[in-house]
PDB file of N, CA and C in Angstrom:
ATOM      1  N   MET A   1       0.812  -1.582  -0.203  1.00  0.00           N
ATOM      2  CA  MET A   1       0.061  -0.186  -0.258  1.00  0.00           C
ATOM      3  C   MET A   1       0.832   1.053   0.121  1.00  0.00           C
ATOM      4  N   ASN A   2       0.395   2.166  -0.604  1.00  0.00           N
ATOM      5  CA  ASN A   2       1.729   3.319  -1.491  1.00  0.00           C
ATOM      6  C   ASN A   2       1.060   4.553   0.059  1.00  0.00           C
ATOM      7  N   LEU A   3       1.045   4.404   1.387  1.00  0.00           N
ATOM      8  CA  LEU A   3       1.516   6.103   1.682  1.00  0.00           C
ATOM      9  C   LEU A   3       0.933   7.711   1.867  1.00  0.00           C
ATOM     10  N   GLU A   4       1.383   7.181   0.790  1.00  0.00           N
ATOM     11  CA  GLU A   4       1.496   8.955   0.577  1.00  0.00           C
ATOM     12  C   GLU A   4       0.323   8.846  -0.889  1.00  0.00           C
ATOM     13  N   ASN A   5      -0.288   7.842  -1.475  1.00  0.00           N
ATOM     14  CA  ASN A   5      -2.350   8.037  -2.290  1.00  0.00           C
ATOM     15  C   ASN A   5      -2.417   7.757  -0.622  1.00  0.00           C
ATOM     16  N   THR A   6      -2.278   7.418  -0.089  1.00  0.00           N
ATOM     17  CA  THR A   6      -3.462   6.969   0.372  1.00  0.00           C
ATOM     18  C   THR A   6      -3.910   8.520   1.854  1.00  0.00           C
ATOM     19  N   GLN A   7      -2.830   9.696   2.241  1.00  0.00           N
ATOM     20  CA  GLN A   7      -3.267  10.469   2.216  1.00  0.00           C
ATOM     21  C   GLN A   7      -3.859  11.084   1.676  1.00  0.00           C
ATOM     22  N   VAL A   8      -3.122  11.512  -0.191  1.00  0.00           N
ATOM     23  CA  VAL A   8      -4.342  12.061  -0.819  1.00  0.00           C
ATOM     24  C   VAL A   8      -5.711  11.833  -0.277  1.00  0.00           C
ATOM     25  N   GLN A   9      -5.923  10.175  -0.465  1.00  0.00           N
ATOM     26  CA  GLN A   9      -7.614  10.708  -0.525  1.00  0.00           C
ATOM     27  C   GLN A   9      -7.908  10.440   0.686  1.00  0.00           C
ATOM     28  N   MET A  10      -7.897  10.771   1.652  1.00  0.00           N
ATOM     29  CA  MET A  10      -8.124  11.378   2.668  1.00  0.00           C
ATOM     30  C   MET A  10      -8.115  12.272   3.054  1.00  0.00           C
ATOM     31  N   ARG A  11      -6.844  13.556   2.027  1.00  0.00           N
ATOM     32  CA  ARG A  11      -7.808  15.349   1.236  1.00  0.00           C
ATOM     33  C   ARG A  11      -8.827  15.181   1.029  1.00  0.00           C
ATOM     34  N   LYS A  12      -8.759  14.077   0.070  1.00  0.00           N
ATOM     35  CA  LYS A  12      -9.998  14.711  -1.248  1.00  0.00           C
ATOM     36  C   LYS A  12     -11.587  13.704  -0.187  1.00  0.00           C
ATOM     37  N   GLY A  13     -10.933  13.432   0.172  1.00  0.00           N
ATOM     38  CA  GLY A  13     -12.551  13.102   0.831  1.00  0.00           C
ATOM     39  C   GLY A  13     -12.950  14.346   1.970  1.00  0.00           C
ATOM     40  N   ILE A  14     -12.458  14.829   2.219  1.00  0.00           N
ATOM     41  CA  ILE A  14     -13.163  15.759   3.509  1.00  0.00           C
ATOM     42  C   ILE A  14     -12.878  17.691   1.988  1.00  0.00           C
ATOM     43  N   LEU A  15     -12.162  16.951   1.096  1.00  0.00           N
ATOM     44  CA  LEU A  15     -12.320  18.714   0.358  1.00  0.00           C
ATOM     45  C   LEU A  15     -12.828  19.412   0.026  1.00  0.00           C
ATOM     46  N   GLU A  16     -14.434  18.955   0.186  1.00  0.00           N
ATOM     47  CA  GLU A  16     -15.448  19.476   0.292  1.00  0.00           C
ATOM     48  C   GLU A  16     -16.299  19.884   1.579  1.00  0.00           C
ATOM     49  N   TYR A  17     -16.289  19.383   1.788  1.00  0.00           N
ATOM     50  CA  TYR A  17     -16.462  19.829   3.169  1.00  0.00           C
ATOM     51  C   TYR A  17     -15.428  21.156   3.990  1.00  0.00           C
ATOM     52  N   CYS A  18     -13.709  21.122   3.670  1.00  0.00           N
ATOM     53  CA  CYS A  18     -13.334  22.688   3.878  1.00  0.00           C
ATOM     54  C   CYS A  18     -13.326  24.098   3.214  1.00  0.00           C
ATOM     55  N   ILE A  19     -13.809  23.410   1.822  1.00  0.00           N
ATOM     56  CA  ILE A  19     -14.181  24.642   0.836  1.00  0.00           C
ATOM     57  C   ILE A  19     -15.865  24.805   1.563  1.00  0.00           C
ATOM     58  N   LEU A  20     -16.247  23.992   1.871  1.00  0.00           N
ATOM     59  CA  LEU A  20     -18.190  24.824   2.086  1.00  0.00           C
ATOM     60  C   LEU A  20     -17.924  25.559   2.842  1.00  0.00           C
ATOM     61  N   HIS A  21     -16.816  25.631   4.572  1.00  0.00           N
ATOM     62  CA  HIS A  21     -16.883  25.913   5.407  1.00  0.00           C
ATOM     63  C   HIS A  21     -16.176  26.808   4.450  1.00  0.00           C
ATOM     64  N   ILE A  22     -14.666  27.017   4.551  1.00  0.00           N
ATOM     65  CA  ILE A  22     -14.363  28.462   3.574  1.00  0.00           C
ATOM     66  C   ILE A  22     -14.879  29.748   3.287  1.00  0.00           C
ATOM     67  N   ILE A  23     -15.819  29.151   2.412  1.00  0.00           N
ATOM     68  CA  ILE A  23     -16.907  30.095   1.482  1.00  0.00           C
ATOM     69  C   ILE A  23     -18.215  30.030   3.118  1.00  0.00           C
ATOM     70  N   SER A  24     -18.229  29.420   3.487  1.00  0.00           N
ATOM     71  CA  SER A  24     -19.541  29.511   4.479  1.00  0.00           C
ATOM     72  C   SER A  24     -19.064  31.015   5.934  1.00  0.00           C
ATOM     73  N   ARG A  25     -18.021  31.561   5.914  1.00  0.00           N
ATOM     74  CA  ARG A  25     -17.220  32.938   6.526  1.00  0.00           C
ATOM     75  C   ARG A  25     -17.860  33.804   5.622  1.00  0.00           C
ATOM     76  N   GLY A  26     -18.084  34.007   4.327  1.00  0.00           N
ATOM     77  CA  GLY A  26     -17.723  34.706   3.369  1.00  0.00           C
ATOM     78  C   GLY A  26     -17.900  35.194   2.155  1.00  0.00           C
ATOM     79  N   GLU A  27     -18.476  35.432   1.578  1.00  0.00           N
ATOM     80  CA  GLU A  27     -17.643  35.877  -0.333  1.00  0.00           C
ATOM     81  C   GLU A  27     -16.314  35.402  -0.459  1.00  0.00           C
ATOM     82  N   VAL A  28     -16.270  34.296  -0.661  1.00  0.00           N
ATOM     83  CA  VAL A  28     -14.126  34.867  -1.672  1.00  0.00           C
ATOM     84  C   VAL A  28     -13.969  34.392  -3.307  1.00  0.00           C
ATOM     85  N   TYR A  29     -12.782  34.361  -3.044  1.00  0.00           N
ATOM     86  CA  TYR A  29     -11.965  34.569  -4.065  1.00  0.00           C
ATOM     87  C   TYR A  29     -11.942  32.931  -4.567  1.00  0.00           C
ATOM     88  N   ALA A  30     -11.625  32.294  -5.247  1.00  0.00           N
ATOM     89  CA  ALA A  30     -11.074  31.439  -5.713  1.00  0.00           C
ATOM     90  C   ALA A  30      -9.440  30.761  -5.189  1.00  0.00           C
ATOM     91  N   SER A  31      -8.571  31.689  -5.710  1.00  0.00           N
ATOM     92  CA  SER A  31      -7.240  31.351  -5.562  1.00  0.00           C
ATOM     93  C   SER A  31      -6.880  32.311  -4.405  1.00  0.00           C
ATOM     94  N   ASP A  32      -8.547  33.142  -2.938  1.00  0.00           N
ATOM     95  CA  ASP A  32      -7.931  32.641  -2.214  1.00  0.00           C
ATOM     96  C   ASP A  32      -8.727  31.619  -1.281  1.00  0.00           C
ATOM     97  N   MET A  33      -8.897  30.923  -1.573  1.00  0.00           N
ATOM     98  CA  MET A  33      -9.233  30.289  -1.036  1.00  0.00           C
ATOM     99  C   MET A  33      -7.767  28.907  -1.937  1.00  0.00           C
ATOM    100  N   LEU A  34      -7.589  28.531  -1.809  1.00  0.00           N
ATOM    101  CA  LEU A  34      -6.583  27.416  -2.601  1.00  0.00           C
ATOM    102  C   LEU A  34      -5.499  28.653  -1.897  1.00  0.00           C
ATOM    103  N   ASP A  35      -4.911  29.544  -0.886  1.00  0.00           N
ATOM    104  CA  ASP A  35      -4.582  30.483  -0.640  1.00  0.00           C
ATOM    105  C   ASP A  35      -4.425  29.476   0.871  1.00  0.00           C
ATOM    106  N   GLU A  36      -5.648  29.811   1.360  1.00  0.00           N
ATOM    107  CA  GLU A  36      -5.970  29.254   2.584  1.00  0.00           C
ATOM    108  C   GLU A  36      -6.243  27.195   2.532  1.00  0.00           C
ATOM    109  N   LEU A  37      -5.778  25.924   1.808  1.00  0.00           N
ATOM    110  CA  LEU A  37      -5.749  25.365   1.874  1.00  0.00           C
ATOM    111  C   LEU A  37      -4.943  25.037   1.784  1.00  0.00           C
ATOM    112  N   THR A  38      -3.569  25.506   0.930  1.00  0.00           N
ATOM    113  CA  THR A  38      -2.464  25.270   0.204  1.00  0.00           C
ATOM    114  C   THR A  38      -1.469  25.774   1.723  1.00  0.00           C
ATOM    115  N   ALA A  39      -2.321  26.604   2.365  1.00  0.00           N
ATOM    116  CA  ALA A  39      -1.553  27.554   3.736  1.00  0.00           C
ATOM    117  C   ALA A  39      -1.472  25.608   4.734  1.00  0.00           C
ATOM    118  N   ALA A  40      -3.212  25.225   4.708  1.00  0.00           N
ATOM    119  CA  ALA A  40      -3.578  24.427   5.614  1.00  0.00           C
ATOM    120  C   ALA A  40      -2.354  22.883   4.915  1.00  0.00           C
ATOM    121  N   ARG A  41      -1.762  22.839   4.638  1.00  0.00           N
ATOM    122  CA  ARG A  41      -1.144  21.577   3.742  1.00  0.00           C
ATOM    123  C   ARG A  41      -2.182  20.182   3.652  1.00  0.00           C
ATOM    124  N   MET A  42      -3.465  21.198   2.581  1.00  0.00           N
ATOM    125  CA  MET A  42      -4.857  20.127   1.603  1.00  0.00           C
ATOM    126  C   MET A  42      -4.081  19.677  -0.037  1.00  0.00           C
ATOM    127  N   ILE A  43      -2.913  20.772   0.005  1.00  0.00           N
ATOM    128  CA  ILE A  43      -2.406  21.045  -1.216  1.00  0.00           C
ATOM    129  C   ILE A  43      -3.270  20.427  -2.535  1.00  0.00           C
ATOM    130  N   VAL A  44      -4.553  20.990  -2.964  1.00  0.00           N
ATOM    131  CA  VAL A  44      -5.446  22.087  -3.860  1.00  0.00           C
ATOM    132  C   VAL A  44      -4.299  22.461  -5.097  1.00  0.00           C
ATOM    133  N   VAL A  45      -4.720  22.290  -6.384  1.00  0.00           N
ATOM    134  CA  VAL A  45      -4.383  22.427  -7.659  1.00  0.00           C
ATOM    135  C   VAL A  45      -5.387  23.619  -8.300  1.00  0.00           C
ATOM    136  N   GLU A  46      -5.689  23.938  -8.759  1.00  0.00           N
ATOM    137  CA  GLU A  46      -6.348  23.937 -10.299  1.00  0.00           C
ATOM    138  C   GLU A  46      -7.678  23.875 -10.165  1.00  0.00           C
ATOM    139  N   GLY A  47      -6.928  23.119 -10.786  1.00  0.00           N
ATOM    140  CA  GLY A  47      -7.660  21.341 -11.207  1.00  0.00           C
ATOM    141  C   GLY A  47      -8.003  20.812 -10.974  1.00  0.00           C
ATOM    142  N   THR A  48      -7.855  20.843  -9.247  1.00  0.00           N
ATOM    143  CA  THR A  48      -8.612  20.491  -8.435  1.00  0.00           C
ATOM    144  C   THR A  48     -10.164  21.350  -7.653  1.00  0.00           C
ATOM    145  N   LEU A  49      -9.886  22.507  -7.734  1.00  0.00           N
ATOM    146  CA  LEU A  49     -10.941  23.685  -7.180  1.00  0.00           C
ATOM    147  C   LEU A  49     -11.838  23.387  -7.727  1.00  0.00           C
ATOM    148  N   TYR A  50     -11.029  23.965  -9.340  1.00  0.00           N
ATOM    149  CA  TYR A  50     -12.582  24.679 -10.023  1.00  0.00           C
ATOM    150  C   TYR A  50     -12.792  23.812 -10.082  1.00  0.00           C
ATOM    151  N   PRO A  51     -13.776  22.498 -10.646  1.00  0.00           N
ATOM    152  CA  PRO A  51     -14.362  21.378 -11.243  1.00  0.00           C
ATOM    153  C   PRO A  51     -15.142  21.450  -9.933  1.00  0.00           C
ATOM    154  N   LEU A  52     -14.474  21.575  -8.308  1.00  0.00           N
ATOM    155  CA  LEU A  52     -15.963  21.591  -7.162  1.00  0.00           C
ATOM    156  C   LEU A  52     -16.441  22.195  -6.979  1.00  0.00           C
ATOM    157  N   LEU A  53     -15.894  23.162  -7.542  1.00  0.00           N
ATOM    158  CA  LEU A  53     -17.074  24.851  -7.338  1.00  0.00           C
ATOM    159  C   LEU A  53     -17.968  24.282  -8.831  1.00  0.00           C
ATOM    160  N   THR A  54     -17.598  24.023  -9.604  1.00  0.00           N
ATOM    161  CA  THR A  54     -18.569  24.316 -10.179  1.00  0.00           C
ATOM    162  C   THR A  54     -19.998  23.061 -10.422  1.00  0.00           C
ATOM    163  N   ARG A  55     -19.246  21.970  -9.369  1.00  0.00           N
ATOM    164  CA  ARG A  55     -19.579  20.624  -9.198  1.00  0.00           C
ATOM    165  C   ARG A  55     -21.156  20.958  -7.851  1.00  0.00           C
ATOM    166  N   LEU A  56     -20.558  21.636  -7.518  1.00  0.00           N
ATOM    167  CA  LEU A  56     -20.952  22.592  -5.752  1.00  0.00           C
ATOM    168  C   LEU A  56     -22.191  23.859  -6.287  1.00  0.00           C
ATOM    169  N   LYS A  57     -22.054  24.501  -7.144  1.00  0.00           N
ATOM    170  CA  LYS A  57     -23.182  25.083  -7.867  1.00  0.00           C
ATOM    171  C   LYS A  57     -23.851  24.645  -8.773  1.00  0.00           C
ATOM    172  N   ASN A  58     -23.503  23.292 -10.080  1.00  0.00           N
ATOM    173  CA  ASN A  58     -24.059  22.670  -9.934  1.00  0.00           C
ATOM    174  C   ASN A  58     -25.626  22.571  -8.857  1.00  0.00           C
ATOM    175  N   MET A  59     -25.209  22.270  -8.102  1.00  0.00           N
ATOM    176  CA  MET A  59     -25.980  20.818  -6.678  1.00  0.00           C
ATOM    177  C   MET A  59     -26.215  22.064  -6.251  1.00  0.00           C
ATOM    178  N   GLY A  60     -26.527  24.120  -6.414  1.00  0.00           N
ATOM    179  CA  GLY A  60     -27.445  24.772  -5.592  1.00  0.00           C
ATOM    180  C   GLY A  60     -26.985  24.772  -4.296  1.00  0.00           C
ATOM    181  N   LEU A  61     -25.208  24.689  -4.327  1.00  0.00           N
ATOM    182  CA  LEU A  61     -25.190  24.649  -2.649  1.00  0.00           C
ATOM    183  C   LEU A  61     -23.972  25.996  -3.097  1.00  0.00           C
ATOM    184  N   VAL A  62     -24.047  26.121  -3.945  1.00  0.00           N
ATOM    185  CA  VAL A  62     -23.216  27.525  -3.435  1.00  0.00           C
ATOM    186  C   VAL A  62     -23.111  28.407  -5.011  1.00  0.00           C
ATOM    187  N   GLU A  63     -23.386  30.054  -4.921  1.00  0.00           N
ATOM    188  CA  GLU A  63     -23.684  30.707  -5.338  1.00  0.00           C
ATOM    189  C   GLU A  63     -22.573  31.954  -5.879  1.00  0.00           C
ATOM    190  N   TYR A  64     -22.259  32.302  -7.512  1.00  0.00           N
ATOM    191  CA  TYR A  64     -21.296  33.464  -7.282  1.00  0.00           C
ATOM    192  C   TYR A  64     -21.211  34.676  -7.890  1.00  0.00           C
ATOM    193  N   LYS A  65     -20.581  35.197  -8.007  1.00  0.00           N
ATOM    194  CA  LYS A  65     -21.281  36.928  -8.935  1.00  0.00           C
ATOM    195  C   LYS A  65     -19.647  37.718  -9.177  1.00  0.00           C
ATOM    196  N   TRP A  66     -19.550  38.095 -10.392  1.00  0.00           N
ATOM    197  CA  TRP A  66     -18.817  38.872 -10.724  1.00  0.00           C
ATOM    198  C   TRP A  66     -18.086  40.013 -10.008  1.00  0.00           C
ATOM    199  N   VAL A  67     -17.341  40.666  -9.624  1.00  0.00           N
ATOM    200  CA  VAL A  67     -16.985  42.194  -9.289  1.00  0.00           C
ATOM    201  C   VAL A  67     -15.528  42.604 -10.409  1.00  0.00           C
ATOM    202  N   GLU A  68     -16.202  43.438 -11.109  1.00  0.00           N
ATOM    203  CA  GLU A  68     -14.725  43.801 -11.225  1.00  0.00           C
ATOM    204  C   GLU A  68     -13.712  44.504 -11.310  1.00  0.00           C
ATOM    205  N   SER A  69     -12.695  44.088 -11.083  1.00  0.00           N
ATOM    206  CA  SER A  69     -11.596  44.751 -10.554  1.00  0.00           C
ATOM    207  C   SER A  69     -10.869  45.679 -10.630  1.00  0.00           C
ATOM    208  N   LYS A  70      -9.620  46.605 -10.138  1.00  0.00           N
ATOM    209  CA  LYS A  70      -8.967  48.179 -10.916  1.00  0.00           C
ATOM    210  C   LYS A  70      -7.180  47.073 -10.972  1.00  0.00           C
ATOM    211  N   SER A  71      -7.161  46.276 -10.953  1.00  0.00           N
ATOM    212  CA  SER A  71      -5.869  45.262 -11.432  1.00  0.00           C
ATOM    213  C   SER A  71      -6.259  43.669 -12.689  1.00  0.00           C
ATOM    214  N   GLY A  72      -6.811  44.141 -13.138  1.00  0.00           N
ATOM    215  CA  GLY A  72      -7.188  42.869 -14.048  1.00  0.00           C
ATOM    216  C   GLY A  72      -8.877  42.480 -14.294  1.00  0.00           C
ATOM    217  N   PRO A  73      -8.966  42.002 -14.719  1.00  0.00           N
ATOM    218  CA  PRO A  73     -10.014  40.894 -14.772  1.00  0.00           C
ATOM    219  C   PRO A  73     -10.660  40.727 -14.084  1.00  0.00           C
ATOM    220  N   PRO A  74     -11.940  41.154 -14.445  1.00  0.00           N
ATOM    221  CA  PRO A  74     -12.668  40.645 -13.330  1.00  0.00           C
ATOM    222  C   PRO A  74     -12.487  39.463 -12.482  1.00  0.00           C
ATOM    223  N   ARG A  75     -12.820  39.420 -10.608  1.00  0.00           N
ATOM    224  CA  ARG A  75     -13.155  37.810 -10.343  1.00  0.00           C
ATOM    225  C   ARG A  75     -14.824  37.429  -9.788  1.00  0.00           C
ATOM    226  N   LYS A  76     -14.690  36.132  -9.728  1.00  0.00           N
ATOM    227  CA  LYS A  76     -16.018  35.306  -9.114  1.00  0.00           C
ATOM    228  C   LYS A  76     -15.837  35.229  -7.776  1.00  0.00           C
ATOM    229  N   TYR A  77     -16.960  35.870  -7.232  1.00  0.00           N
ATOM    230  CA  TYR A  77     -16.557  35.575  -5.789  1.00  0.00           C
ATOM    231  C   TYR A  77     -18.113  35.018  -6.058  1.00  0.00           C
ATOM    232  N   TYR A  78     -16.841  33.593  -5.308  1.00  0.00           N
ATOM    233  CA  TYR A  78     -17.956  32.305  -3.982  1.00  0.00           C
ATOM    234  C   TYR A  78     -18.868  32.210  -3.302  1.00  0.00           C
ATOM    235  N   LYS A  79     -20.016  32.143  -2.456  1.00  0.00           N
ATOM    236  CA  LYS A  79     -21.139  32.249  -1.637  1.00  0.00           C
ATOM    237  C   LYS A  79     -21.760  31.169  -0.674  1.00  0.00           C
ATOM    238  N   LEU A  80     -22.208  31.042  -0.129  1.00  0.00           N
ATOM    239  CA  LEU A  80     -22.916  29.056   0.136  1.00  0.00           C
ATOM    240  C   LEU A  80     -24.587  29.897  -0.029  1.00  0.00           C
ATOM    241  N   THR A  81     -25.403  29.447  -0.982  1.00  0.00           N
ATOM    242  CA  THR A  81     -26.218  29.712  -1.336  1.00  0.00           C
ATOM    243  C   THR A  81     -27.423  28.954   0.939  1.00  0.00           C
ATOM    244  N   ASP A  82     -28.830  28.994   0.511  1.00  0.00           N
ATOM    245  CA  ASP A  82     -29.073  28.867   1.317  1.00  0.00           C
ATOM    246  C   ASP A  82     -29.659  26.899   2.383  1.00  0.00           C
ATOM    247  N   ARG A  83     -29.193  26.320   0.699  1.00  0.00           N
ATOM    248  CA  ARG A  83     -29.097  25.184   0.431  1.00  0.00           C
ATOM    249  C   ARG A  83     -27.631  25.021   1.626  1.00  0.00           C
ATOM    250  N   GLY A  84     -27.091  24.936   0.945  1.00  0.00           N
ATOM    251  CA  GLY A  84     -25.302  25.096   1.039  1.00  0.00           C
ATOM    252  C   GLY A  84     -25.800  25.242   2.492  1.00  0.00           C
ATOM    253  N   ALA A  85     -25.750  26.417   2.958  1.00  0.00           N
ATOM    254  CA  ALA A  85     -25.255  26.630   4.749  1.00  0.00           C
ATOM    255  C   ALA A  85     -26.165  25.089   5.486  1.00  0.00           C
ATOM    256  N   LYS A  86     -27.410  24.535   4.588  1.00  0.00           N
ATOM    257  CA  LYS A  86     -28.506  23.621   5.988  1.00  0.00           C
ATOM    258  C   LYS A  86     -27.345  21.694   4.542  1.00  0.00           C
ATOM    259  N   PHE A  87     -26.452  22.300   4.220  1.00  0.00           N
ATOM    260  CA  PHE A  87     -25.484  21.150   3.694  1.00  0.00           C
ATOM    261  C   PHE A  87     -24.147  20.709   4.628  1.00  0.00           C
ATOM    262  N   LEU A  88     -23.246  22.020   4.742  1.00  0.00           N
ATOM    263  CA  LEU A  88     -23.236  22.105   5.493  1.00  0.00           C
ATOM    264  C   LEU A  88     -22.536  21.611   6.908  1.00  0.00           C
ATOM    265  N   GLN A  89     -24.213  21.980   7.190  1.00  0.00           N
ATOM    266  CA  GLN A  89     -24.242  22.138   9.003  1.00  0.00           C
ATOM    267  C   GLN A  89     -24.277  20.745   8.742  1.00  0.00           C
ATOM    268  N   LYS A  90     -25.555  19.611   8.115  1.00  0.00           N
ATOM    269  CA  LYS A  90     -24.871  18.613   8.291  1.00  0.00           C
ATOM    270  C   LYS A  90     -24.048  18.448   8.000  1.00  0.00           C
ATOM    271  N   LEU A  91     -22.274  18.076   7.335  1.00  0.00           N
ATOM    272  CA  LEU A  91     -21.607  17.726   7.303  1.00  0.00           C
ATOM    273  C   LEU A  91     -21.012  18.166   7.828  1.00  0.00           C
ATOM    274  N   THR A  92     -21.318  18.649   9.354  1.00  0.00           N
ATOM    275  CA  THR A  92     -20.304  18.807  10.576  1.00  0.00           C
ATOM    276  C   THR A  92     -20.838  18.405  11.470  1.00  0.00           C
ATOM    277  N   GLU A  93     -21.843  18.176  11.286  1.00  0.00           N
ATOM    278  CA  GLU A  93     -23.002  17.168  12.380  1.00  0.00           C
ATOM    279  C   GLU A  93     -21.833  15.879  12.232  1.00  0.00           C
ATOM    280  N   THR A  94     -21.585  15.082  10.819  1.00  0.00           N
ATOM    281  CA  THR A  94     -21.452  14.322  10.296  1.00  0.00           C
ATOM    282  C   THR A  94     -19.707  13.982  10.934  1.00  0.00           C
ATOM    283  N   TRP A  95     -19.180  15.103  10.459  1.00  0.00           N
ATOM    284  CA  TRP A  95     -17.324  15.612  10.538  1.00  0.00           C
ATOM    285  C   TRP A  95     -16.995  15.228  12.466  1.00  0.00           C
ATOM    286  N   ASP A  96     -17.974  16.064  13.215  1.00  0.00           N
ATOM    287  CA  ASP A  96     -18.211  15.863  14.873  1.00  0.00           C
ATOM    288  C   ASP A  96     -17.999  14.338  15.331  1.00  0.00           C
ATOM    289  N   GLU A  97     -19.118  13.601  14.580  1.00  0.00           N
ATOM    290  CA  GLU A  97     -19.399  11.815  14.971  1.00  0.00           C
ATOM    291  C   GLU A  97     -18.252  11.077  14.235  1.00  0.00           C
ATOM    292  N   LEU A  98     -17.845  11.902  13.036  1.00  0.00           N
ATOM    293  CA  LEU A  98     -16.776  11.451  12.502  1.00  0.00           C
ATOM    294  C   LEU A  98     -15.067  11.280  13.573  1.00  0.00           C
ATOM    295  N   VAL A  99     -15.617  11.922  13.808  1.00  0.00           N
ATOM    296  CA  VAL A  99     -13.634  12.513  15.210  1.00  0.00           C
ATOM    297  C   VAL A  99     -14.165  12.044  16.054  1.00  0.00           C
ATOM    298  N   HIS A 100     -15.332  12.075  17.223  1.00  0.00           N
ATOM    299  CA  HIS A 100     -16.153  11.362  18.331  1.00  0.00           C
ATOM    300  C   HIS A 100     -15.060  10.449  17.714  1.00  0.00           C
ATOM    301  N   SER A 101     -15.821   9.988  16.892  1.00  0.00           N
ATOM    302  CA  SER A 101     -15.897   7.973  16.891  1.00  0.00           C
ATOM    303  C   SER A 101     -14.352   7.721  16.285  1.00  0.00           C
ATOM    304  N   THR A 102     -13.054   8.798  15.737  1.00  0.00           N
ATOM    305  CA  THR A 102     -11.560   7.895  15.447  1.00  0.00           C
ATOM    306  C   THR A 102     -11.126   8.828  16.796  1.00  0.00           C
ATOM    307  N   SER A 103     -11.621   9.812  17.529  1.00  0.00           N
ATOM    308  CA  SER A 103     -10.366   9.669  18.647  1.00  0.00           C
ATOM    309  C   SER A 103     -10.913   8.603  19.653  1.00  0.00           C
ATOM    310  N   MET A 104     -12.631   7.728  19.528  1.00  0.00           N
ATOM    311  CA  MET A 104     -12.826   6.724  20.593  1.00  0.00           C
ATOM    312  C   MET A 104     -11.612   5.195  20.013  1.00  0.00           C
ATOM    313  N   ILE A 105     -11.030   5.465  18.622  1.00  0.00           N
ATOM    314  CA  ILE A 105     -10.237   4.123  18.556  1.00  0.00           C
ATOM    315  C   ILE A 105      -9.439   5.008  18.607  1.00  0.00           C
ATOM    316  N   THR A 106      -8.307   5.487  18.210  1.00  0.00           N
ATOM    317  CA  THR A 106      -6.677   5.243  18.172  1.00  0.00           C
ATOM    318  C   THR A 106      -6.407   5.643  19.329  1.00  0.00           C
ATOM    319  N   SER A 107      -7.520   6.054  20.799  1.00  0.00           N
ATOM    320  CA  SER A 107      -6.703   6.904  22.006  1.00  0.00           C
ATOM    321  C   SER A 107      -6.497   5.640  22.875  1.00  0.00           C
ATOM    322  N   LYS A 108      -7.049   4.542  22.272  1.00  0.00           N
ATOM    323  CA  LYS A 108      -6.888   2.951  23.716  1.00  0.00           C
ATOM    324  C   LYS A 108      -5.744   2.761  22.871  1.00  0.00           C
ATOM    325  N   SER A 109      -5.271   2.425  24.079  1.00  0.00           N
ATOM    326  CA  SER A 109      -3.893   1.635  23.925  1.00  0.00           C
ATOM    327  C   SER A 109      -3.424   0.328  24.163  1.00  0.00           C
ATOM    328  N   THR A 110      -2.497  -0.098  23.159  1.00  0.00           N
ATOM    329  CA  THR A 110      -2.464  -1.267  22.963  1.00  0.00           C
ATOM    330  C   THR A 110      -2.196  -2.569  24.146  1.00  0.00           C
ATOM    331  N   THR A 111      -2.948  -3.518  23.590  1.00  0.00           N
ATOM    332  CA  THR A 111      -2.904  -4.172  24.226  1.00  0.00           C
ATOM    333  C   THR A 111      -1.890  -5.954  24.165  1.00  0.00           C
ATOM    334  N   SER A 112      -1.580  -6.376  24.942  1.00  0.00           N
ATOM    335  CA  SER A 112      -1.469  -7.312  24.971  1.00  0.00           C
ATOM    336  C   SER A 112      -1.706  -8.584  25.219  1.00  0.00           C
ATOM    337  N   ALA A 113      -1.903  -9.821  23.640  1.00  0.00           N
ATOM    338  CA  ALA A 113      -2.911 -10.945  23.856  1.00  0.00           C
ATOM    339  C   ALA A 113      -2.130 -12.337  24.803  1.00  0.00           C
TER     340      ALA A 113
END
C-alpha cells in the first residue's frame, strides 16, 4: 500500500467540506481559497478546485457573482446558498461524529494478547 496515495485520498475526502466551510465565512475569491487550503497543507491545485466549485454550484450549494477588478479582469466571488448552509450544517454534524468515533478508536492503547 502506498502511504502517499492514502494520505491524498484522505485529504480529498474532506476537501468539499473544507471548501464549503471557507465559503461559509463570506464571499470569497477562488485564489484566496487556494491560498488557505495550501497553507493548511491540503495541497490543492486549480485543476482540482475549479471543477469542485462548478459541481457545488450545479448542486445549488454555492453561487457566485462577478466583481470588477481595478488590477485585471473581473473576479468571481463565491458564497453559500441557503441550501448550501443547510448541507454544510449536516456535514459538520457528520464530521463531529467521525472525529469523536475516530478518537475513541485511536486513543485506546494496545494490549498484549
